[in-house]
Amino acid sequence: MGDRGLLSEDNLEVLSGAGLDYIVALPLRRSSVTRRVIEAVEDRLEEQLRLWEEAKVPLDEGECFLHVHLDGRRFVVAHREAIAMERRRNRMAPLREATSYVTFRVARSHGQQEGSIPKEGRVLSHQDTLLHLHDYLKGRKLRRYYRLWLDEDGTIRWAPNEENRSWENLIDGKLILETTNRSLSLRRWSCITRSFRT
């Protein structure tokens, strides 16, 4: 078993060619393979969530393993609903705080430049405000949730990055593994995913 960053495609081919099984975790962001795998299981996962809800399955017991084959490769998507809900909850407060701050700083920048707000202390240009907000969001690891730009007049604008927010909601609670193994039981997959998550 290993993290995908530790094993290159060449190494995986060598292991497979030698008849050795492997299980590696894929990155959840910035991976076209991950996106294709999640898209391939999305409908089945939604159905599983619906079945859990109907059966009133406690969240800490809601775990499933969905298998998919793409381009001759085998993937297992592990999903724990309790982890998904916790991650979403943990994102809400920082996003509310950041949105409030971004809204305030952009409005202040507009007001100072237009003269409707007194220019007290150091007045930041729209460009300086943009850079400040980039740093603010980056320092809180929230940069991917926002789009910030200067319009054609050089005025700062912003909007939530809905595509990235939707993707984060989609990957919450998930672990994607690529494997050559075809014989592991459900109980063994549960143990394996626990070791990758810790």
C-alpha atoms as a PDB file:
ATOM      1  CA  MET A   1       0.000   0.000   0.000  1.00  0.00           C
ATOM      2  CA  GLY A   2       1.189   3.525  -0.626  1.00  0.00           C
ATOM      3  CA  ASP A   3       0.362   7.117  -1.292  1.00  0.00           C
ATOM      4  CA  ARG A   4       0.124   7.870  -5.012  1.00  0.00           C
ATOM      5  CA  GLY A   5       2.894  10.460  -4.684  1.00  0.00           C
ATOM      6  CA  LEU A   6       5.331   7.725  -3.662  1.00  0.00           C
ATOM      7  CA  LEU A   7       4.697   5.476  -6.639  1.00  0.00           C
ATOM      8  CA  SER A   8       5.097   6.564 -10.242  1.00  0.00           C
ATOM      9  CA  GLU A   9       3.197   5.060 -13.175  1.00  0.00           C
ATOM     10  CA  ASP A  10       6.423   3.261 -14.139  1.00  0.00           C
ATOM     11  CA  ASN A  11       6.729   1.701 -10.674  1.00  0.00           C
ATOM     12  CA  LEU A  12       3.114   0.548 -10.786  1.00  0.00           C
ATOM     13  CA  GLU A  13       3.734  -1.103 -14.152  1.00  0.00           C
ATOM     14  CA  VAL A  14       6.790  -2.896 -12.740  1.00  0.00           C
ATOM     15  CA  LEU A  15       4.776  -4.174  -9.745  1.00  0.00           C
ATOM     16  CA  SER A  16       1.923  -5.281 -11.964  1.00  0.00           C
ATOM     17  CA  GLY A  17       4.298  -6.895 -14.464  1.00  0.00           C
ATOM     18  CA  ALA A  18       5.939  -8.849 -11.642  1.00  0.00           C
ATOM     19  CA  GLY A  19       2.545 -10.196 -10.596  1.00  0.00           C
ATOM     20  CA  LEU A  20       2.470  -8.177  -7.367  1.00  0.00           C
ATOM     21  CA  ASP A  21      -0.720  -6.548  -6.149  1.00  0.00           C
ATOM     22  CA  TYR A  22      -0.757  -2.915  -5.112  1.00  0.00           C
ATOM     23  CA  ILE A  23      -3.170  -0.466  -3.513  1.00  0.00           C
ATOM     24  CA  VAL A  24      -2.438   3.245  -3.856  1.00  0.00           C
ATOM     25  CA  ALA A  25      -4.432   6.343  -2.932  1.00  0.00           C
ATOM     26  CA  LEU A  26      -5.171   8.904  -5.636  1.00  0.00           C
ATOM     27  CA  PRO A  27      -5.146  12.650  -4.993  1.00  0.00           C
ATOM     28  CA  LEU A  28      -8.651  14.102  -4.769  1.00  0.00           C
ATOM     29  CA  ARG A  29      -7.792  17.448  -6.374  1.00  0.00           C
ATOM     30  CA  ARG A  30      -6.181  18.362  -9.698  1.00  0.00           C
ATOM     31  CA  SER A  31      -6.479  14.842 -11.087  1.00  0.00           C
ATOM     32  CA  SER A  32      -8.390  14.060 -14.262  1.00  0.00           C
ATOM     33  CA  VAL A  33      -8.414  10.356 -13.327  1.00  0.00           C
ATOM     34  CA  THR A  34     -10.036  11.125  -9.967  1.00  0.00           C
ATOM     35  CA  ARG A  35     -12.672  13.250 -11.681  1.00  0.00           C
ATOM     36  CA  ARG A  36     -13.523  10.443 -14.110  1.00  0.00           C
ATOM     37  CA  VAL A  37     -13.693   7.866 -11.297  1.00  0.00           C
ATOM     38  CA  ILE A  38     -16.030  10.003  -9.187  1.00  0.00           C
ATOM     39  CA  GLU A  39     -18.245  10.770 -12.187  1.00  0.00           C
ATOM     40  CA  ALA A  40     -18.458   7.018 -12.894  1.00  0.00           C
ATOM     41  CA  VAL A  41     -19.774   6.214  -9.389  1.00  0.00           C
ATOM     42  CA  GLU A  42     -21.774   9.375  -8.665  1.00  0.00           C
ATOM     43  CA  ASP A  43     -25.215   7.917  -9.470  1.00  0.00           C
ATOM     44  CA  ARG A  44     -24.566   4.740  -7.460  1.00  0.00           C
ATOM     45  CA  LEU A  45     -23.372   6.780  -4.485  1.00  0.00           C
ATOM     46  CA  GLU A  46     -26.469   8.996  -4.568  1.00  0.00           C
ATOM     47  CA  GLU A  47     -28.598   5.851  -4.573  1.00  0.00           C
ATOM     48  CA  GLN A  48     -26.641   4.474  -1.601  1.00  0.00           C
ATOM     49  CA  LEU A  49     -27.140   7.728   0.350  1.00  0.00           C
ATOM     50  CA  ARG A  50     -30.865   7.550  -0.380  1.00  0.00           C
ATOM     51  CA  LEU A  51     -31.018   3.940   0.854  1.00  0.00           C
ATOM     52  CA  TRP A  52     -29.159   4.855   4.062  1.00  0.00           C
ATOM     53  CA  GLU A  53     -31.572   7.688   4.694  1.00  0.00           C
ATOM     54  CA  GLU A  54     -34.608   5.460   4.140  1.00  0.00           C
ATOM     55  CA  ALA A  55     -33.160   2.769   6.429  1.00  0.00           C
ATOM     56  CA  LYS A  56     -32.193   5.418   9.040  1.00  0.00           C
ATOM     57  CA  VAL A  57     -28.594   4.146   9.089  1.00  0.00           C
ATOM     58  CA  PRO A  58     -26.560   6.047  11.729  1.00  0.00           C
ATOM     59  CA  LEU A  59     -23.994   8.318  10.086  1.00  0.00           C
ATOM     60  CA  ASP A  60     -21.024   6.660  11.774  1.00  0.00           C
ATOM     61  CA  GLU A  61     -22.072   3.362  10.162  1.00  0.00           C
ATOM     62  CA  GLY A  62     -22.629   4.811   6.683  1.00  0.00           C
ATOM     63  CA  GLU A  63     -19.648   3.488   4.734  1.00  0.00           C
ATOM     64  CA  CYS A  64     -19.652   2.059   1.235  1.00  0.00           C
ATOM     65  CA  PHE A  65     -17.155   0.819  -1.325  1.00  0.00           C
ATOM     66  CA  LEU A  66     -17.868   1.300  -5.012  1.00  0.00           C
ATOM     67  CA  HIS A  67     -15.749  -0.461  -7.614  1.00  0.00           C
ATOM     68  CA  VAL A  68     -15.172   0.870 -11.108  1.00  0.00           C
ATOM     69  CA  HIS A  69     -12.960  -0.112 -14.061  1.00  0.00           C
ATOM     70  CA  LEU A  70     -11.594   2.565 -16.390  1.00  0.00           C
ATOM     71  CA  ASP A  71      -9.078   2.000 -19.185  1.00  0.00           C
ATOM     72  CA  GLY A  72      -8.185  -1.431 -17.808  1.00  0.00           C
ATOM     73  CA  ARG A  73      -7.512  -0.075 -14.318  1.00  0.00           C
ATOM     74  CA  ARG A  74      -9.484  -0.953 -11.169  1.00  0.00           C
ATOM     75  CA  PHE A  75     -10.520   1.720  -8.670  1.00  0.00           C
ATOM     76  CA  VAL A  76     -12.322   1.568  -5.354  1.00  0.00           C
ATOM     77  CA  VAL A  77     -14.162   4.636  -4.081  1.00  0.00           C
ATOM     78  CA  ALA A  78     -14.639   4.495  -0.319  1.00  0.00           C
ATOM     79  CA  HIS A  79     -17.209   6.892   1.125  1.00  0.00           C
ATOM     80  CA  ARG A  80     -18.001   7.622   4.785  1.00  0.00           C
ATOM     81  CA  GLU A  81     -20.948   9.927   5.241  1.00  0.00           C
ATOM     82  CA  ALA A  82     -19.936  10.914   8.797  1.00  0.00           C
ATOM     83  CA  ILE A  83     -16.592  12.217   7.483  1.00  0.00           C
ATOM     84  CA  ALA A  84     -18.325  14.021   4.613  1.00  0.00           C
ATOM     85  CA  MET A  85     -20.696  15.825   6.965  1.00  0.00           C
ATOM     86  CA  GLU A  86     -17.907  16.739   9.392  1.00  0.00           C
ATOM     87  CA  ARG A  87     -15.776  18.239   6.606  1.00  0.00           C
ATOM     88  CA  ARG A  88     -18.701  20.294   5.317  1.00  0.00           C
ATOM     89  CA  ARG A  89     -19.467  21.541   8.825  1.00  0.00           C
ATOM     90  CA  ASN A  90     -15.817  22.444   9.390  1.00  0.00           C
ATOM     91  CA  ARG A  91     -15.793  24.476   6.160  1.00  0.00           C
ATOM     92  CA  MET A  92     -18.895  26.516   6.910  1.00  0.00           C
ATOM     93  CA  ALA A  93     -17.603  28.857   9.641  1.00  0.00           C
ATOM     94  CA  PRO A  94     -14.305  29.744   7.888  1.00  0.00           C
ATOM     95  CA  LEU A  95     -16.180  30.365   4.617  1.00  0.00           C
ATOM     96  CA  ARG A  96     -18.760  32.593   6.342  1.00  0.00           C
ATOM     97  CA  GLU A  97     -15.980  34.555   8.031  1.00  0.00           C
ATOM     98  CA  ALA A  98     -13.957  34.869   4.827  1.00  0.00           C
ATOM     99  CA  THR A  99     -16.985  35.903   2.775  1.00  0.00           C
ATOM    100  CA  SER A 100     -17.825  38.589   5.329  1.00  0.00           C
ATOM    101  CA  TYR A 101     -14.235  39.864   5.262  1.00  0.00           C
ATOM    102  CA  VAL A 102     -13.955  39.832   1.456  1.00  0.00           C
ATOM    103  CA  THR A 103     -17.305  41.646   1.143  1.00  0.00           C
ATOM    104  CA  PHE A 104     -16.189  44.277   3.664  1.00  0.00           C
ATOM    105  CA  ARG A 105     -12.764  44.874   2.071  1.00  0.00           C
ATOM    106  CA  VAL A 106     -14.155  45.100  -1.468  1.00  0.00           C
ATOM    107  CA  ALA A 107     -16.919  47.507  -0.373  1.00  0.00           C
ATOM    108  CA  ARG A 108     -14.373  49.580   1.536  1.00  0.00           C
ATOM    109  CA  SER A 109     -12.057  49.719  -1.457  1.00  0.00           C
ATOM    110  CA  HIS A 110     -14.929  50.813  -3.727  1.00  0.00           C
ATOM    111  CA  GLY A 111     -16.141  53.390  -1.210  1.00  0.00           C
ATOM    112  CA  GLN A 112     -12.704  54.908  -0.668  1.00  0.00           C
ATOM    113  CA  GLN A 113     -11.955  55.101  -4.374  1.00  0.00           C
ATOM    114  CA  GLU A 114     -15.364  56.675  -5.110  1.00  0.00           C
ATOM    115  CA  GLY A 115     -15.142  59.063  -2.146  1.00  0.00           C
ATOM    116  CA  SER A 116     -18.238  57.786  -0.315  1.00  0.00           C
ATOM    117  CA  ILE A 117     -16.069  56.482   2.553  1.00  0.00           C
ATOM    118  CA  PRO A 118     -13.515  58.800   4.216  1.00  0.00           C
ATOM    119  CA  LYS A 119      -9.928  57.965   3.328  1.00  0.00           C
ATOM    120  CA  GLU A 120      -8.501  57.254   6.758  1.00  0.00           C
ATOM    121  CA  GLY A 121      -5.092  55.697   7.261  1.00  0.00           C
ATOM    122  CA  ARG A 122      -3.434  53.906   4.375  1.00  0.00           C
ATOM    123  CA  VAL A 123      -5.776  53.685   1.405  1.00  0.00           C
ATOM    124  CA  LEU A 124      -5.270  50.576  -0.695  1.00  0.00           C
ATOM    125  CA  SER A 125      -5.793  50.676  -4.425  1.00  0.00           C
ATOM    126  CA  HIS A 126      -8.033  48.027  -5.975  1.00  0.00           C
ATOM    127  CA  GLN A 127      -4.878  46.174  -7.066  1.00  0.00           C
ATOM    128  CA  ASP A 128      -3.447  46.294  -3.528  1.00  0.00           C
ATOM    129  CA  THR A 129      -6.779  45.123  -2.079  1.00  0.00           C
ATOM    130  CA  LEU A 130      -6.831  42.262  -4.561  1.00  0.00           C
ATOM    131  CA  LEU A 131      -3.326  41.176  -3.503  1.00  0.00           C
ATOM    132  CA  HIS A 132      -4.246  41.533   0.172  1.00  0.00           C
ATOM    133  CA  LEU A 133      -7.332  39.348  -0.257  1.00  0.00           C
ATOM    134  CA  HIS A 134      -5.355  36.724  -2.186  1.00  0.00           C
ATOM    135  CA  ASP A 135      -2.919  36.543   0.744  1.00  0.00           C
ATOM    136  CA  TYR A 136      -5.745  36.507   3.301  1.00  0.00           C
ATOM    137  CA  LEU A 137      -7.501  33.579   1.585  1.00  0.00           C
ATOM    138  CA  LYS A 138      -4.285  31.694   0.853  1.00  0.00           C
ATOM    139  CA  GLY A 139      -3.224  31.935   4.501  1.00  0.00           C
ATOM    140  CA  ARG A 140      -6.530  30.324   5.514  1.00  0.00           C
ATOM    141  CA  LYS A 141      -6.397  27.700   2.732  1.00  0.00           C
ATOM    142  CA  LEU A 142      -9.608  29.095   1.264  1.00  0.00           C
ATOM    143  CA  ARG A 143      -8.270  30.497  -2.004  1.00  0.00           C
ATOM    144  CA  ARG A 144      -9.909  27.821  -4.176  1.00  0.00           C
ATOM    145  CA  TYR A 145     -13.380  28.811  -2.934  1.00  0.00           C
ATOM    146  CA  TYR A 146     -13.263  32.354  -4.354  1.00  0.00           C
ATOM    147  CA  ARG A 147     -12.732  34.137  -7.645  1.00  0.00           C
ATOM    148  CA  LEU A 148     -11.158  37.600  -7.355  1.00  0.00           C
ATOM    149  CA  TRP A 149     -10.289  39.820 -10.300  1.00  0.00           C
ATOM    150  CA  LEU A 150     -10.024  43.363 -11.617  1.00  0.00           C
ATOM    151  CA  ASP A 151     -12.611  44.319 -14.218  1.00  0.00           C
ATOM    152  CA  GLU A 152     -11.860  46.310 -17.375  1.00  0.00           C
ATOM    153  CA  ASP A 153     -11.979  49.539 -15.324  1.00  0.00           C
ATOM    154  CA  GLY A 154      -9.442  48.190 -12.828  1.00  0.00           C
ATOM    155  CA  THR A 155     -12.105  47.796 -10.126  1.00  0.00           C
ATOM    156  CA  ILE A 156     -11.924  44.791  -7.825  1.00  0.00           C
ATOM    157  CA  ARG A 157     -14.657  42.178  -8.190  1.00  0.00           C
ATOM    158  CA  TRP A 158     -15.276  38.836  -6.544  1.00  0.00           C
ATOM    159  CA  ALA A 159     -17.590  35.831  -6.615  1.00  0.00           C
ATOM    160  CA  PRO A 160     -17.745  32.413  -4.982  1.00  0.00           C
ATOM    161  CA  ASN A 161     -15.972  29.766  -7.055  1.00  0.00           C
ATOM    162  CA  GLU A 162     -19.024  27.542  -7.430  1.00  0.00           C
ATOM    163  CA  GLU A 163     -17.212  24.887  -9.471  1.00  0.00           C
ATOM    164  CA  ASN A 164     -14.580  24.329  -6.788  1.00  0.00           C
ATOM    165  CA  ARG A 165     -17.151  24.480  -3.986  1.00  0.00           C
ATOM    166  CA  SER A 166     -19.252  21.819  -5.718  1.00  0.00           C
ATOM    167  CA  TRP A 167     -16.172  19.646  -6.230  1.00  0.00           C
ATOM    168  CA  GLU A 168     -15.196  19.911  -2.560  1.00  0.00           C
ATOM    169  CA  ASN A 169     -18.723  18.862  -1.556  1.00  0.00           C
ATOM    170  CA  LEU A 170     -18.469  15.946  -3.971  1.00  0.00           C
ATOM    171  CA  ILE A 171     -15.135  14.643  -2.636  1.00  0.00           C
ATOM    172  CA  ASP A 172     -16.022  15.072   1.043  1.00  0.00           C
ATOM    173  CA  GLY A 173     -15.787  11.732   2.832  1.00  0.00           C
ATOM    174  CA  LYS A 174     -14.175   9.980  -0.109  1.00  0.00           C
ATOM    175  CA  LEU A 175     -10.971   8.065  -0.553  1.00  0.00           C
ATOM    176  CA  ILE A 176     -10.057   6.765  -4.014  1.00  0.00           C
ATOM    177  CA  LEU A 177      -7.793   3.775  -4.317  1.00  0.00           C
ATOM    178  CA  GLU A 178      -6.330   2.156  -7.393  1.00  0.00           C
ATOM    179  CA  THR A 179      -5.620  -1.527  -6.994  1.00  0.00           C
ATOM    180  CA  THR A 180      -4.837  -4.729  -8.836  1.00  0.00           C
ATOM    181  CA  ASN A 181      -6.349  -6.839  -6.040  1.00  0.00           C
ATOM    182  CA  ARG A 182      -9.696  -8.505  -6.790  1.00  0.00           C
ATOM    183  CA  SER A 183     -10.197 -10.691  -3.727  1.00  0.00           C
ATOM    184  CA  LEU A 184     -10.316  -8.438  -0.648  1.00  0.00           C
ATOM    185  CA  SER A 185     -13.444  -8.715   1.489  1.00  0.00           C
ATOM    186  CA  LEU A 186     -15.552  -5.755   2.563  1.00  0.00           C
ATOM    187  CA  ARG A 187     -14.089  -5.994   6.068  1.00  0.00           C
ATOM    188  CA  ARG A 188     -10.533  -5.833   4.690  1.00  0.00           C
ATOM    189  CA  TRP A 189     -11.413  -2.774   2.552  1.00  0.00           C
ATOM    190  CA  SER A 190     -12.730  -1.092   5.684  1.00  0.00           C
ATOM    191  CA  CYS A 191      -9.416  -1.736   7.486  1.00  0.00           C
ATOM    192  CA  ILE A 192      -7.383  -0.568   4.502  1.00  0.00           C
ATOM    193  CA  THR A 193      -9.297   2.690   4.107  1.00  0.00           C
ATOM    194  CA  ARG A 194      -8.934   3.378   7.840  1.00  0.00           C
ATOM    195  CA  SER A 195      -5.142   3.111   7.506  1.00  0.00           C
ATOM    196  CA  PHE A 196      -5.119   5.534   4.547  1.00  0.00           C
ATOM    197  CA  ARG A 197      -7.349   8.051   6.348  1.00  0.00           C
ATOM    198  CA  THR A 198      -5.170   8.250   9.482  1.00  0.00           C
END
